[in-house]
Structure formats: structure tokens, C-alpha cells
Amino acid sequence: MPDSPTAPTASNAAHPPRQRRKEARPQELIDAALELFAEKGFAATRSEEVAARAGVAKGTLYLYYPSKEELLKAVISQRLSSEIEAVSEFARGYRGDCASLLREVYTEWWSRVFDSPTSAVFKLVITEVRNFPDIAAFYRAEVVEPATALVGEIVGRGIASGEFRAMDVRGAVMSLIFPMIMLCLHKHSLGACMPEVEMMDPHAFIRQHVEIVLNGLRGRA
């Protein structure tokens, strides 16, 4: 006697394949856009190329993202803004010392960003955003301001508790952040076309960088 057809589960019945596919499309479009933007640059990438790589029609792309600029904003928001918010929430609830918190943020969050396609966003913004002021303003509001506020809060908390010495918080924040951005730029520029030109192991660099900065931040015993 042949096996009877498998009865649809409650989950499948509630979300048929076509509906599940439709729900996945925004993510597929964002992933395809980031890949192409990293490979070709934002200005050189055409919307139809993004649609083709995501396996949808160009008209479908415009249903979700009316312009290529809106698509890049979605990439920035999903790949960086949401991550920064998650780390900020973690930092607000952290009860350990500030040095340990900085280590956690850098070795975990920055390593995760570096290892993922998200690291290409920094190159996109730095190399092309000058010609797209609306995206520049969006990136500043969604990434620069919350990220500097996050790191500044940690440094300021350490100064207030006496763990860190008194110093210019903004300068300390820039010292912490800029080398990380440069690391991501290297990955998607010289590191992409000449993989053999490697400064050092990226994860070792991140760990060493945060230790160097922490030794400069700490107050004297």
C-alpha cells in the first residue's frame, strides 16, 4: 500500500511556500545588493542586476525599495544600525568593569562585523557617499552618532568610576573606532585584490588594538 501524502504541518499551512518566499524577498534583495555594491560599487551597480541576483523581476525590487538609494539605506539599517542598537542594549545592562565591557564589544562585535559581508558597508560609505548627501546624512544618524555614543558612554562611565583616567572622551572614541574601520577598508580594497598582502591576523589585531587603548585609558594605581 503506497504511503499516504504527508499532511501539511500547522506552520506550513499557515505560511504556504509562495507566502514564505514573499516574506524572504526583502532579505534576499538586501543580501544581493550588499554583494554587488561591494563588488562593483554603489554607483556602478544597476537595480536590474540586484534583482537578477536575488532571482526576482526588477518591478518586484521596486515594490520593496523604490530606489537604489533606499536599498542602500536598508542595507545600512539592517546590517549596522540594528547591530549597534543590540550592542547598546547589552552595554546598558552590563554590570562588570568598563575594561571588560570594551573587550567584549570589540572582540565579539567587531570580529563579527569584520567576518561578515557587513564590513563592506564602510568602504561603500567612505568611497561613494560624497556624491549622495542624503545617504551621508542617513549614515551619520543611523551609524556614526549611535556608535560614537555607545563607545563614549563606556569610556565616560570608566572615567566617572575612576577606572579610566580623565581625558577627552571624543578623542578616545575616535582612537578606538577608526582603526577598526581601516581594518574593514583593507579587507575590501588591497586585501580583496591582493590577499597575500596581509598586515596580520585580523582577530589578533582587534585584540591587540583594544589592549593598547585600554592600557592608555587606565588610571594609575
N, C-alpha and C. Protein backbone atom coordinates (compact mmCIF):
# COMPACT_ATOMS: atom_id res chain seq x y z
N MET A 1 0.85 -1.20 0.00
CA MET A 1 0.00 0.00 0.00
C MET A 1 0.87 1.24 0.00
N PRO A 2 0.74 2.14 -0.95
CA PRO A 2 1.60 3.32 -1.01
C PRO A 2 1.40 4.21 0.19
N ASP A 3 2.48 4.88 0.52
CA ASP A 3 2.40 5.82 1.63
C ASP A 3 1.42 6.93 1.29
N SER A 4 0.68 7.34 2.29
CA SER A 4 -0.23 8.46 2.07
C SER A 4 0.53 9.76 2.09
N PRO A 5 0.11 10.78 1.36
CA PRO A 5 0.82 12.06 1.33
C PRO A 5 0.96 12.63 2.72
N THR A 6 2.12 13.24 2.96
CA THR A 6 2.37 13.86 4.26
C THR A 6 1.43 15.02 4.46
N ALA A 7 0.75 15.01 5.58
CA ALA A 7 -0.19 16.09 5.87
C ALA A 7 0.58 17.36 6.16
N PRO A 8 0.12 18.50 5.68
CA PRO A 8 0.81 19.75 5.95
C PRO A 8 0.81 20.07 7.43
N THR A 9 1.93 20.56 7.91
CA THR A 9 2.01 20.96 9.31
C THR A 9 1.26 22.26 9.49
N ALA A 10 1.01 22.60 10.76
CA ALA A 10 0.31 23.86 11.04
C ALA A 10 1.10 25.04 10.54
N SER A 11 2.46 24.94 10.67
CA SER A 11 3.31 26.05 10.23
C SER A 11 3.23 26.22 8.72
N ASN A 12 3.33 25.06 7.99
CA ASN A 12 3.28 25.15 6.53
C ASN A 12 1.91 25.61 6.05
N ALA A 13 0.86 25.15 6.74
CA ALA A 13 -0.49 25.55 6.33
C ALA A 13 -0.70 27.04 6.53
N ALA A 14 -0.12 27.55 7.61
CA ALA A 14 -0.28 28.99 7.89
C ALA A 14 0.56 29.84 6.95
N HIS A 15 1.70 29.28 6.51
CA HIS A 15 2.60 30.03 5.63
C HIS A 15 2.94 29.17 4.42
N PRO A 16 2.10 29.15 3.40
CA PRO A 16 2.39 28.36 2.20
C PRO A 16 3.69 28.80 1.55
N PRO A 17 4.30 27.92 0.68
CA PRO A 17 5.61 28.24 0.09
C PRO A 17 5.66 29.60 -0.59
N ARG A 18 4.63 29.94 -1.32
CA ARG A 18 4.65 31.22 -2.03
C ARG A 18 4.70 32.40 -1.06
N GLN A 19 3.95 32.27 0.07
CA GLN A 19 3.95 33.33 1.06
C GLN A 19 5.31 33.42 1.75
N ARG A 20 5.91 32.25 2.08
CA ARG A 20 7.23 32.25 2.72
C ARG A 20 8.26 32.89 1.80
N ARG A 21 8.15 32.59 0.52
CA ARG A 21 9.08 33.17 -0.46
C ARG A 21 8.93 34.69 -0.49
N LYS A 22 7.69 35.16 -0.45
CA LYS A 22 7.44 36.60 -0.48
C LYS A 22 8.02 37.27 0.76
N GLU A 23 7.89 36.62 1.91
CA GLU A 23 8.41 37.20 3.15
C GLU A 23 9.93 37.24 3.15
N ALA A 24 10.57 36.34 2.42
CA ALA A 24 12.03 36.29 2.38
C ALA A 24 12.64 37.28 1.40
N ARG A 25 11.82 37.83 0.51
CA ARG A 25 12.37 38.66 -0.56
C ARG A 25 13.14 39.89 -0.08
N PRO A 26 12.64 40.66 0.89
CA PRO A 26 13.42 41.82 1.33
C PRO A 26 14.83 41.44 1.76
N GLN A 27 14.96 40.33 2.50
CA GLN A 27 16.29 39.88 2.94
C GLN A 27 17.14 39.46 1.74
N GLU A 28 16.54 38.75 0.80
CA GLU A 28 17.28 38.33 -0.39
C GLU A 28 17.76 39.53 -1.19
N LEU A 29 16.94 40.55 -1.29
CA LEU A 29 17.32 41.76 -2.02
C LEU A 29 18.44 42.50 -1.31
N ILE A 30 18.37 42.58 0.01
CA ILE A 30 19.42 43.25 0.78
C ILE A 30 20.74 42.50 0.63
N ASP A 31 20.70 41.18 0.73
CA ASP A 31 21.92 40.37 0.59
C ASP A 31 22.53 40.54 -0.80
N ALA A 32 21.68 40.49 -1.83
CA ALA A 32 22.17 40.64 -3.20
C ALA A 32 22.75 42.03 -3.42
N ALA A 33 22.09 43.04 -2.87
CA ALA A 33 22.57 44.42 -3.03
C ALA A 33 23.93 44.60 -2.38
N LEU A 34 24.10 44.09 -1.18
CA LEU A 34 25.38 44.25 -0.49
C LEU A 34 26.50 43.56 -1.26
N GLU A 35 26.23 42.38 -1.78
CA GLU A 35 27.24 41.67 -2.57
C GLU A 35 27.66 42.49 -3.78
N LEU A 36 26.69 43.00 -4.51
CA LEU A 36 27.00 43.75 -5.72
C LEU A 36 27.63 45.10 -5.42
N PHE A 37 27.13 45.79 -4.40
CA PHE A 37 27.71 47.07 -4.03
C PHE A 37 29.18 46.89 -3.64
N ALA A 38 29.48 45.80 -2.95
CA ALA A 38 30.87 45.54 -2.54
C ALA A 38 31.74 45.19 -3.75
N GLU A 39 31.18 44.46 -4.70
CA GLU A 39 31.95 44.03 -5.88
C GLU A 39 32.17 45.18 -6.86
N LYS A 40 31.11 45.94 -7.15
CA LYS A 40 31.15 46.91 -8.23
C LYS A 40 31.12 48.36 -7.78
N GLY A 41 30.72 48.60 -6.53
CA GLY A 41 30.49 49.96 -6.08
C GLY A 41 29.02 50.31 -6.20
N PHE A 42 28.59 51.27 -5.43
CA PHE A 42 27.17 51.64 -5.42
C PHE A 42 26.75 52.28 -6.73
N ALA A 43 27.49 53.27 -7.20
CA ALA A 43 27.10 53.99 -8.40
C ALA A 43 27.10 53.09 -9.63
N ALA A 44 28.02 52.13 -9.69
CA ALA A 44 28.15 51.28 -10.88
C ALA A 44 27.15 50.13 -10.90
N THR A 45 26.52 49.86 -9.80
CA THR A 45 25.55 48.75 -9.74
C THR A 45 24.19 49.21 -10.22
N ARG A 46 23.59 48.46 -11.14
CA ARG A 46 22.26 48.79 -11.65
C ARG A 46 21.20 47.99 -10.89
N SER A 47 20.04 48.59 -10.75
CA SER A 47 18.96 47.95 -9.99
C SER A 47 18.60 46.60 -10.58
N GLU A 48 18.61 46.48 -11.91
CA GLU A 48 18.25 45.21 -12.52
C GLU A 48 19.25 44.11 -12.18
N GLU A 49 20.50 44.49 -11.93
CA GLU A 49 21.50 43.50 -11.52
C GLU A 49 21.18 42.95 -10.14
N VAL A 50 20.76 43.84 -9.25
CA VAL A 50 20.37 43.41 -7.90
C VAL A 50 19.18 42.46 -7.99
N ALA A 51 18.19 42.83 -8.78
CA ALA A 51 17.01 42.00 -8.93
C ALA A 51 17.37 40.63 -9.50
N ALA A 52 18.23 40.62 -10.51
CA ALA A 52 18.62 39.35 -11.14
C ALA A 52 19.35 38.46 -10.15
N ARG A 53 20.26 39.03 -9.37
CA ARG A 53 20.99 38.20 -8.42
C ARG A 53 20.07 37.66 -7.33
N ALA A 54 19.06 38.43 -6.96
CA ALA A 54 18.09 37.97 -5.95
C ALA A 54 17.06 37.02 -6.55
N GLY A 55 17.05 36.90 -7.89
CA GLY A 55 16.11 35.98 -8.54
C GLY A 55 14.70 36.51 -8.64
N VAL A 56 14.57 37.85 -8.75
CA VAL A 56 13.24 38.44 -8.89
C VAL A 56 13.24 39.41 -10.07
N ALA A 57 12.07 39.84 -10.47
CA ALA A 57 11.96 40.83 -11.54
C ALA A 57 12.31 42.22 -11.01
N LYS A 58 12.74 43.10 -11.91
CA LYS A 58 13.08 44.46 -11.49
C LYS A 58 11.89 45.15 -10.84
N GLY A 59 10.69 44.90 -11.36
CA GLY A 59 9.50 45.51 -10.78
C GLY A 59 9.26 45.06 -9.35
N THR A 60 9.63 43.81 -9.06
CA THR A 60 9.49 43.32 -7.69
C THR A 60 10.41 44.06 -6.75
N LEU A 61 11.63 44.35 -7.21
CA LEU A 61 12.58 45.12 -6.40
C LEU A 61 11.97 46.46 -6.01
N TYR A 62 11.34 47.14 -6.97
CA TYR A 62 10.78 48.46 -6.70
C TYR A 62 9.56 48.41 -5.78
N LEU A 63 8.92 47.26 -5.68
CA LEU A 63 7.82 47.12 -4.74
C LEU A 63 8.31 47.27 -3.30
N TYR A 64 9.52 46.80 -3.06
CA TYR A 64 10.08 46.85 -1.70
C TYR A 64 10.95 48.09 -1.48
N TYR A 65 11.72 48.45 -2.49
CA TYR A 65 12.65 49.57 -2.38
C TYR A 65 12.51 50.45 -3.62
N PRO A 66 11.87 51.62 -3.48
CA PRO A 66 11.54 52.46 -4.63
C PRO A 66 12.75 52.98 -5.41
N SER A 67 13.92 52.98 -4.78
CA SER A 67 15.12 53.47 -5.47
C SER A 67 16.34 52.72 -4.95
N LYS A 68 17.43 52.85 -5.68
CA LYS A 68 18.67 52.21 -5.26
C LYS A 68 19.18 52.83 -3.96
N GLU A 69 18.93 54.13 -3.78
CA GLU A 69 19.33 54.81 -2.55
C GLU A 69 18.59 54.22 -1.34
N GLU A 70 17.29 53.95 -1.52
CA GLU A 70 16.52 53.36 -0.43
C GLU A 70 17.01 51.94 -0.12
N LEU A 71 17.46 51.25 -1.14
CA LEU A 71 18.00 49.91 -0.93
C LEU A 71 19.28 49.97 -0.11
N LEU A 72 20.16 50.93 -0.42
CA LEU A 72 21.39 51.07 0.36
C LEU A 72 21.08 51.47 1.80
N LYS A 73 20.08 52.32 1.99
CA LYS A 73 19.68 52.68 3.36
C LYS A 73 19.21 51.44 4.12
N ALA A 74 18.49 50.57 3.42
CA ALA A 74 18.02 49.34 4.07
C ALA A 74 19.19 48.45 4.45
N VAL A 75 20.20 48.40 3.59
CA VAL A 75 21.42 47.63 3.89
C VAL A 75 22.08 48.18 5.15
N ILE A 76 22.25 49.51 5.20
CA ILE A 76 22.90 50.15 6.35
C ILE A 76 22.09 49.90 7.62
N SER A 77 20.78 50.07 7.51
CA SER A 77 19.92 49.92 8.69
C SER A 77 19.94 48.50 9.23
N GLN A 78 19.80 47.53 8.33
CA GLN A 78 19.74 46.15 8.81
C GLN A 78 21.09 45.62 9.25
N ARG A 79 22.13 45.96 8.49
CA ARG A 79 23.43 45.37 8.76
C ARG A 79 24.21 46.06 9.88
N LEU A 80 24.02 47.38 10.04
CA LEU A 80 24.78 48.09 11.06
C LEU A 80 23.91 48.70 12.16
N SER A 81 22.88 49.43 11.79
CA SER A 81 22.07 50.12 12.80
C SER A 81 21.50 49.15 13.82
N SER A 82 20.93 48.05 13.36
CA SER A 82 20.32 47.09 14.27
C SER A 82 21.37 46.44 15.17
N GLU A 83 22.57 46.20 14.63
CA GLU A 83 23.65 45.62 15.42
C GLU A 83 24.09 46.59 16.53
N ILE A 84 24.23 47.86 16.18
CA ILE A 84 24.66 48.85 17.16
C ILE A 84 23.63 48.96 18.28
N GLU A 85 22.37 48.94 17.93
CA GLU A 85 21.31 49.02 18.93
C GLU A 85 21.36 47.81 19.87
N ALA A 86 21.61 46.63 19.31
CA ALA A 86 21.70 45.43 20.14
C ALA A 86 22.88 45.50 21.10
N VAL A 87 24.02 45.98 20.62
CA VAL A 87 25.20 46.11 21.49
C VAL A 87 24.96 47.19 22.55
N SER A 88 24.30 48.27 22.17
CA SER A 88 23.99 49.34 23.13
C SER A 88 23.11 48.82 24.26
N GLU A 89 22.13 48.00 23.90
CA GLU A 89 21.25 47.43 24.93
C GLU A 89 22.05 46.51 25.85
N PHE A 90 22.95 45.73 25.27
CA PHE A 90 23.80 44.85 26.09
C PHE A 90 24.67 45.68 27.04
N ALA A 91 25.25 46.76 26.52
CA ALA A 91 26.13 47.60 27.34
C ALA A 91 25.38 48.27 28.48
N ARG A 92 24.14 48.68 28.22
CA ARG A 92 23.36 49.33 29.27
C ARG A 92 23.08 48.40 30.44
N GLY A 93 22.97 47.12 30.17
CA GLY A 93 22.68 46.17 31.23
C GLY A 93 23.92 45.51 31.82
N TYR A 94 25.11 45.87 31.32
CA TYR A 94 26.35 45.24 31.77
C TYR A 94 26.74 45.77 33.14
N ARG A 95 27.10 44.88 34.05
CA ARG A 95 27.43 45.29 35.40
C ARG A 95 28.89 45.08 35.77
N GLY A 96 29.71 44.65 34.84
CA GLY A 96 31.13 44.45 35.13
C GLY A 96 31.92 45.74 34.95
N ASP A 97 33.24 45.62 34.97
CA ASP A 97 34.08 46.80 34.79
C ASP A 97 34.10 47.21 33.32
N CYS A 98 34.46 48.47 33.10
CA CYS A 98 34.38 49.03 31.74
C CYS A 98 35.44 48.46 30.80
N ALA A 99 36.59 48.08 31.34
CA ALA A 99 37.62 47.47 30.50
C ALA A 99 37.11 46.14 29.94
N SER A 100 36.47 45.34 30.76
CA SER A 100 35.92 44.06 30.30
C SER A 100 34.81 44.28 29.28
N LEU A 101 34.02 45.32 29.49
CA LEU A 101 32.94 45.62 28.55
C LEU A 101 33.51 46.00 27.19
N LEU A 102 34.55 46.84 27.18
CA LEU A 102 35.17 47.21 25.90
C LEU A 102 35.76 45.99 25.21
N ARG A 103 36.40 45.13 25.95
CA ARG A 103 36.94 43.91 25.36
C ARG A 103 35.82 43.09 24.72
N GLU A 104 34.72 42.97 25.45
CA GLU A 104 33.58 42.19 24.94
C GLU A 104 33.05 42.80 23.65
N VAL A 105 32.84 44.11 23.65
CA VAL A 105 32.30 44.78 22.47
C VAL A 105 33.24 44.62 21.28
N TYR A 106 34.53 44.78 21.51
CA TYR A 106 35.47 44.75 20.39
C TYR A 106 35.76 43.34 19.90
N THR A 107 36.06 42.43 20.81
CA THR A 107 36.43 41.09 20.34
C THR A 107 35.23 40.34 19.78
N GLU A 108 34.03 40.61 20.29
CA GLU A 108 32.86 39.90 19.80
C GLU A 108 32.20 40.66 18.64
N TRP A 109 31.79 41.91 18.88
CA TRP A 109 31.02 42.65 17.87
C TRP A 109 31.87 42.98 16.64
N TRP A 110 33.03 43.57 16.85
CA TRP A 110 33.84 43.96 15.69
C TRP A 110 34.32 42.75 14.91
N SER A 111 34.65 41.67 15.62
CA SER A 111 35.05 40.45 14.90
C SER A 111 33.90 39.93 14.05
N ARG A 112 32.69 39.96 14.59
CA ARG A 112 31.52 39.50 13.84
C ARG A 112 31.28 40.37 12.61
N VAL A 113 31.41 41.68 12.78
CA VAL A 113 31.23 42.59 11.64
C VAL A 113 32.31 42.35 10.60
N PHE A 114 33.55 42.23 11.04
CA PHE A 114 34.66 42.03 10.10
C PHE A 114 34.48 40.75 9.30
N ASP A 115 34.06 39.68 9.94
CA ASP A 115 33.94 38.39 9.27
C ASP A 115 32.76 38.31 8.31
N SER A 116 31.80 39.20 8.44
CA SER A 116 30.59 39.14 7.63
C SER A 116 30.66 40.12 6.45
N PRO A 117 29.75 40.00 5.47
CA PRO A 117 29.70 40.97 4.37
C PRO A 117 29.43 42.40 4.84
N THR A 118 28.95 42.55 6.08
CA THR A 118 28.66 43.88 6.62
C THR A 118 29.88 44.79 6.57
N SER A 119 31.07 44.21 6.68
CA SER A 119 32.30 45.01 6.68
C SER A 119 32.44 45.84 5.42
N ALA A 120 31.77 45.45 4.33
CA ALA A 120 31.86 46.20 3.07
C ALA A 120 31.13 47.54 3.14
N VAL A 121 30.22 47.69 4.08
CA VAL A 121 29.44 48.93 4.16
C VAL A 121 30.35 50.13 4.39
N PHE A 122 31.39 49.97 5.19
CA PHE A 122 32.28 51.09 5.48
C PHE A 122 32.98 51.58 4.21
N LYS A 123 33.43 50.66 3.37
CA LYS A 123 34.06 51.05 2.12
C LYS A 123 33.06 51.76 1.21
N LEU A 124 31.84 51.24 1.14
CA LEU A 124 30.81 51.87 0.32
C LEU A 124 30.58 53.31 0.73
N VAL A 125 30.44 53.52 2.02
CA VAL A 125 30.13 54.87 2.51
C VAL A 125 31.30 55.81 2.28
N ILE A 126 32.49 55.37 2.62
CA ILE A 126 33.65 56.26 2.54
C ILE A 126 33.99 56.62 1.09
N THR A 127 33.86 55.66 0.17
CA THR A 127 34.27 55.92 -1.20
C THR A 127 33.20 56.59 -2.06
N GLU A 128 31.91 56.43 -1.70
CA GLU A 128 30.88 56.89 -2.62
C GLU A 128 29.87 57.88 -2.03
N VAL A 129 29.86 58.01 -0.72
CA VAL A 129 28.77 58.77 -0.11
C VAL A 129 28.86 60.27 -0.40
N ARG A 130 30.02 60.74 -0.79
CA ARG A 130 30.18 62.17 -1.09
C ARG A 130 29.23 62.62 -2.20
N ASN A 131 28.94 61.72 -3.11
CA ASN A 131 28.05 62.04 -4.22
C ASN A 131 26.57 61.81 -3.91
N PHE A 132 26.29 61.34 -2.69
CA PHE A 132 24.91 61.04 -2.29
C PHE A 132 24.67 61.61 -0.89
N PRO A 133 24.47 62.92 -0.79
CA PRO A 133 24.36 63.57 0.52
C PRO A 133 23.22 63.04 1.37
N ASP A 134 22.15 62.57 0.75
CA ASP A 134 21.05 62.03 1.53
C ASP A 134 21.47 60.77 2.27
N ILE A 135 22.24 59.93 1.60
CA ILE A 135 22.74 58.72 2.23
C ILE A 135 23.76 59.07 3.31
N ALA A 136 24.56 60.11 3.06
CA ALA A 136 25.54 60.54 4.06
C ALA A 136 24.85 60.95 5.35
N ALA A 137 23.78 61.71 5.22
CA ALA A 137 23.03 62.15 6.41
C ALA A 137 22.39 60.94 7.11
N PHE A 138 21.89 60.01 6.33
CA PHE A 138 21.28 58.81 6.90
C PHE A 138 22.33 58.00 7.66
N TYR A 139 23.50 57.81 7.07
CA TYR A 139 24.57 57.03 7.70
C TYR A 139 25.04 57.70 8.99
N ARG A 140 25.14 59.01 8.97
CA ARG A 140 25.55 59.73 10.18
C ARG A 140 24.55 59.50 11.31
N ALA A 141 23.26 59.62 10.99
CA ALA A 141 22.23 59.47 12.02
C ALA A 141 22.08 58.03 12.49
N GLU A 142 22.23 57.07 11.56
CA GLU A 142 21.97 55.67 11.88
C GLU A 142 23.18 54.92 12.41
N VAL A 143 24.39 55.37 12.06
CA VAL A 143 25.59 54.61 12.41
C VAL A 143 26.57 55.45 13.23
N VAL A 144 26.99 56.59 12.67
CA VAL A 144 28.06 57.36 13.32
C VAL A 144 27.64 57.83 14.71
N GLU A 145 26.49 58.48 14.80
CA GLU A 145 26.07 59.05 16.08
C GLU A 145 25.80 57.98 17.14
N PRO A 146 25.02 56.93 16.84
CA PRO A 146 24.80 55.91 17.88
C PRO A 146 26.06 55.13 18.24
N ALA A 147 26.95 54.89 17.28
CA ALA A 147 28.17 54.14 17.58
C ALA A 147 29.11 54.95 18.47
N THR A 148 29.29 56.24 18.15
CA THR A 148 30.16 57.07 18.98
C THR A 148 29.54 57.29 20.36
N ALA A 149 28.22 57.36 20.42
CA ALA A 149 27.55 57.50 21.71
C ALA A 149 27.75 56.24 22.56
N LEU A 150 27.68 55.08 21.93
CA LEU A 150 27.87 53.81 22.63
C LEU A 150 29.27 53.73 23.25
N VAL A 151 30.29 53.95 22.43
CA VAL A 151 31.67 53.85 22.94
C VAL A 151 31.96 54.98 23.92
N GLY A 152 31.42 56.17 23.63
CA GLY A 152 31.62 57.30 24.53
C GLY A 152 31.00 57.06 25.90
N GLU A 153 29.86 56.40 25.92
CA GLU A 153 29.20 56.07 27.19
C GLU A 153 30.06 55.13 28.03
N ILE A 154 30.67 54.14 27.38
CA ILE A 154 31.53 53.20 28.10
C ILE A 154 32.76 53.90 28.65
N VAL A 155 33.41 54.72 27.81
CA VAL A 155 34.60 55.44 28.25
C VAL A 155 34.24 56.42 29.37
N GLY A 156 33.15 57.15 29.19
CA GLY A 156 32.74 58.11 30.20
C GLY A 156 32.40 57.44 31.52
N ARG A 157 31.77 56.27 31.44
CA ARG A 157 31.46 55.52 32.66
C ARG A 157 32.74 55.10 33.39
N GLY A 158 33.75 54.70 32.62
CA GLY A 158 35.02 54.31 33.23
C GLY A 158 35.74 55.48 33.87
N ILE A 159 35.66 56.66 33.26
CA ILE A 159 36.27 57.85 33.83
C ILE A 159 35.56 58.24 35.13
N ALA A 160 34.23 58.20 35.09
CA ALA A 160 33.44 58.59 36.27
C ALA A 160 33.71 57.67 37.46
N SER A 161 33.96 56.39 37.20
CA SER A 161 34.20 55.44 38.29
C SER A 161 35.64 55.45 38.77
N GLY A 162 36.52 56.14 38.06
CA GLY A 162 37.93 56.16 38.42
C GLY A 162 38.74 55.04 37.80
N GLU A 163 38.07 54.16 37.03
CA GLU A 163 38.78 53.07 36.37
C GLU A 163 39.69 53.61 35.26
N PHE A 164 39.20 54.60 34.53
CA PHE A 164 39.98 55.25 33.48
C PHE A 164 40.40 56.63 33.96
N ARG A 165 41.51 57.09 33.44
CA ARG A 165 41.97 58.43 33.80
C ARG A 165 41.15 59.49 33.06
N ALA A 166 41.16 60.70 33.55
CA ALA A 166 40.43 61.79 32.90
C ALA A 166 41.07 62.11 31.55
N MET A 167 40.26 62.27 30.54
CA MET A 167 40.76 62.58 29.20
C MET A 167 39.61 63.07 28.34
N ASP A 168 39.94 63.49 27.12
CA ASP A 168 38.92 63.89 26.16
C ASP A 168 38.21 62.64 25.65
N VAL A 169 36.94 62.51 25.97
CA VAL A 169 36.20 61.28 25.61
C VAL A 169 36.10 61.12 24.11
N ARG A 170 35.81 62.20 23.39
CA ARG A 170 35.65 62.09 21.95
C ARG A 170 36.94 61.61 21.28
N GLY A 171 38.08 62.13 21.74
CA GLY A 171 39.35 61.68 21.18
C GLY A 171 39.59 60.20 21.44
N ALA A 172 39.22 59.74 22.64
CA ALA A 172 39.38 58.33 22.96
C ALA A 172 38.48 57.47 22.08
N VAL A 173 37.26 57.94 21.84
CA VAL A 173 36.32 57.21 20.98
C VAL A 173 36.88 57.07 19.57
N MET A 174 37.41 58.16 19.02
CA MET A 174 37.96 58.10 17.67
C MET A 174 39.15 57.15 17.60
N SER A 175 39.96 57.15 18.66
CA SER A 175 41.13 56.25 18.70
C SER A 175 40.69 54.79 18.71
N LEU A 176 39.57 54.52 19.32
CA LEU A 176 39.05 53.16 19.37
C LEU A 176 38.41 52.73 18.05
N ILE A 177 37.67 53.63 17.44
CA ILE A 177 36.85 53.25 16.28
C ILE A 177 37.61 53.28 14.94
N PHE A 178 38.39 54.32 14.70
CA PHE A 178 38.99 54.49 13.37
C PHE A 178 39.85 53.32 12.91
N PRO A 179 40.71 52.73 13.76
CA PRO A 179 41.48 51.57 13.28
C PRO A 179 40.61 50.39 12.87
N MET A 180 39.45 50.24 13.50
CA MET A 180 38.55 49.15 13.12
C MET A 180 37.95 49.37 11.73
N ILE A 181 37.62 50.62 11.45
CA ILE A 181 37.10 50.95 10.12
C ILE A 181 38.19 50.72 9.07
N MET A 182 39.41 51.10 9.40
CA MET A 182 40.53 50.91 8.48
C MET A 182 40.76 49.42 8.20
N LEU A 183 40.58 48.59 9.21
CA LEU A 183 40.72 47.15 9.04
C LEU A 183 39.70 46.63 8.03
N CYS A 184 38.46 47.10 8.14
CA CYS A 184 37.42 46.69 7.18
C CYS A 184 37.71 47.22 5.78
N LEU A 185 38.23 48.45 5.69
CA LEU A 185 38.58 49.01 4.39
C LEU A 185 39.67 48.18 3.72
N HIS A 186 40.66 47.78 4.49
CA HIS A 186 41.74 46.97 3.94
C HIS A 186 41.20 45.65 3.38
N LYS A 187 40.27 45.03 4.10
CA LYS A 187 39.69 43.76 3.66
C LYS A 187 39.05 43.89 2.28
N HIS A 188 38.38 45.03 2.02
CA HIS A 188 37.63 45.19 0.78
C HIS A 188 38.36 46.05 -0.25
N SER A 189 39.62 46.32 -0.04
CA SER A 189 40.40 47.06 -1.03
C SER A 189 41.65 46.26 -1.37
N LEU A 190 42.77 46.58 -0.75
CA LEU A 190 44.01 45.86 -1.04
C LEU A 190 43.90 44.39 -0.68
N GLY A 191 43.25 44.09 0.43
CA GLY A 191 43.09 42.71 0.85
C GLY A 191 42.25 41.89 -0.11
N ALA A 192 41.34 42.54 -0.84
CA ALA A 192 40.47 41.82 -1.78
C ALA A 192 41.19 41.48 -3.08
N CYS A 193 42.01 42.40 -3.58
CA CYS A 193 42.69 42.15 -4.86
C CYS A 193 44.07 41.53 -4.68
N MET A 194 44.65 41.66 -3.49
CA MET A 194 45.95 41.06 -3.21
C MET A 194 45.89 40.40 -1.83
N PRO A 195 45.25 39.23 -1.74
CA PRO A 195 45.06 38.58 -0.43
C PRO A 195 46.36 38.28 0.30
N GLU A 196 47.45 38.15 -0.46
CA GLU A 196 48.72 37.84 0.19
C GLU A 196 49.28 39.02 0.98
N VAL A 197 48.77 40.23 0.68
CA VAL A 197 49.23 41.43 1.40
C VAL A 197 48.37 41.55 2.66
N GLU A 198 48.78 40.90 3.71
CA GLU A 198 48.01 40.89 4.95
C GLU A 198 48.85 41.49 6.06
N MET A 199 48.31 42.48 6.75
CA MET A 199 49.05 43.14 7.82
C MET A 199 49.35 42.16 8.94
N MET A 200 48.34 41.48 9.42
CA MET A 200 48.45 40.46 10.46
C MET A 200 47.08 39.82 10.59
N ASP A 201 46.99 38.79 11.41
CA ASP A 201 45.70 38.15 11.62
C ASP A 201 44.70 39.19 12.14
N PRO A 202 43.56 39.38 11.45
CA PRO A 202 42.62 40.45 11.83
C PRO A 202 42.11 40.33 13.27
N HIS A 203 41.84 39.11 13.70
CA HIS A 203 41.30 38.94 15.05
C HIS A 203 42.37 39.24 16.10
N ALA A 204 43.62 38.88 15.79
CA ALA A 204 44.72 39.22 16.70
C ALA A 204 44.90 40.74 16.75
N PHE A 205 44.72 41.38 15.59
CA PHE A 205 44.83 42.85 15.54
C PHE A 205 43.77 43.50 16.42
N ILE A 206 42.53 43.01 16.33
CA ILE A 206 41.45 43.58 17.14
C ILE A 206 41.75 43.44 18.62
N ARG A 207 42.18 42.25 19.03
CA ARG A 207 42.50 42.03 20.44
C ARG A 207 43.65 42.91 20.90
N GLN A 208 44.69 43.01 20.08
CA GLN A 208 45.84 43.82 20.45
C GLN A 208 45.48 45.31 20.50
N HIS A 209 44.67 45.73 19.55
CA HIS A 209 44.28 47.13 19.50
C HIS A 209 43.55 47.56 20.77
N VAL A 210 42.59 46.76 21.19
CA VAL A 210 41.82 47.14 22.37
C VAL A 210 42.69 47.11 23.63
N GLU A 211 43.67 46.22 23.69
CA GLU A 211 44.57 46.18 24.85
C GLU A 211 45.47 47.41 24.88
N ILE A 212 45.96 47.83 23.71
CA ILE A 212 46.80 49.03 23.65
C ILE A 212 46.02 50.25 24.11
N VAL A 213 44.78 50.38 23.63
CA VAL A 213 43.96 51.53 24.03
C VAL A 213 43.61 51.46 25.51
N LEU A 214 43.27 50.28 25.99
CA LEU A 214 42.93 50.14 27.41
C LEU A 214 44.10 50.51 28.31
N ASN A 215 45.30 50.13 27.92
CA ASN A 215 46.47 50.48 28.74
C ASN A 215 46.68 51.99 28.77
N GLY A 216 46.27 52.68 27.70
CA GLY A 216 46.36 54.13 27.69
C GLY A 216 45.24 54.80 28.46
N LEU A 217 44.08 54.10 28.56
CA LEU A 217 42.93 54.67 29.26
C LEU A 217 43.01 54.53 30.78
N ARG A 218 43.62 53.46 31.24
CA ARG A 218 43.58 53.16 32.66
C ARG A 218 44.25 54.25 33.50
N GLY A 219 43.66 54.50 34.66
CA GLY A 219 44.28 55.42 35.60
C GLY A 219 45.39 54.74 36.35
N ARG A 220 46.26 55.53 36.93
CA ARG A 220 47.37 54.96 37.69
C ARG A 220 46.85 54.39 39.01
N ALA A 221 47.43 53.24 39.39
CA ALA A 221 47.02 52.63 40.66
C ALA A 221 47.49 53.51 41.82
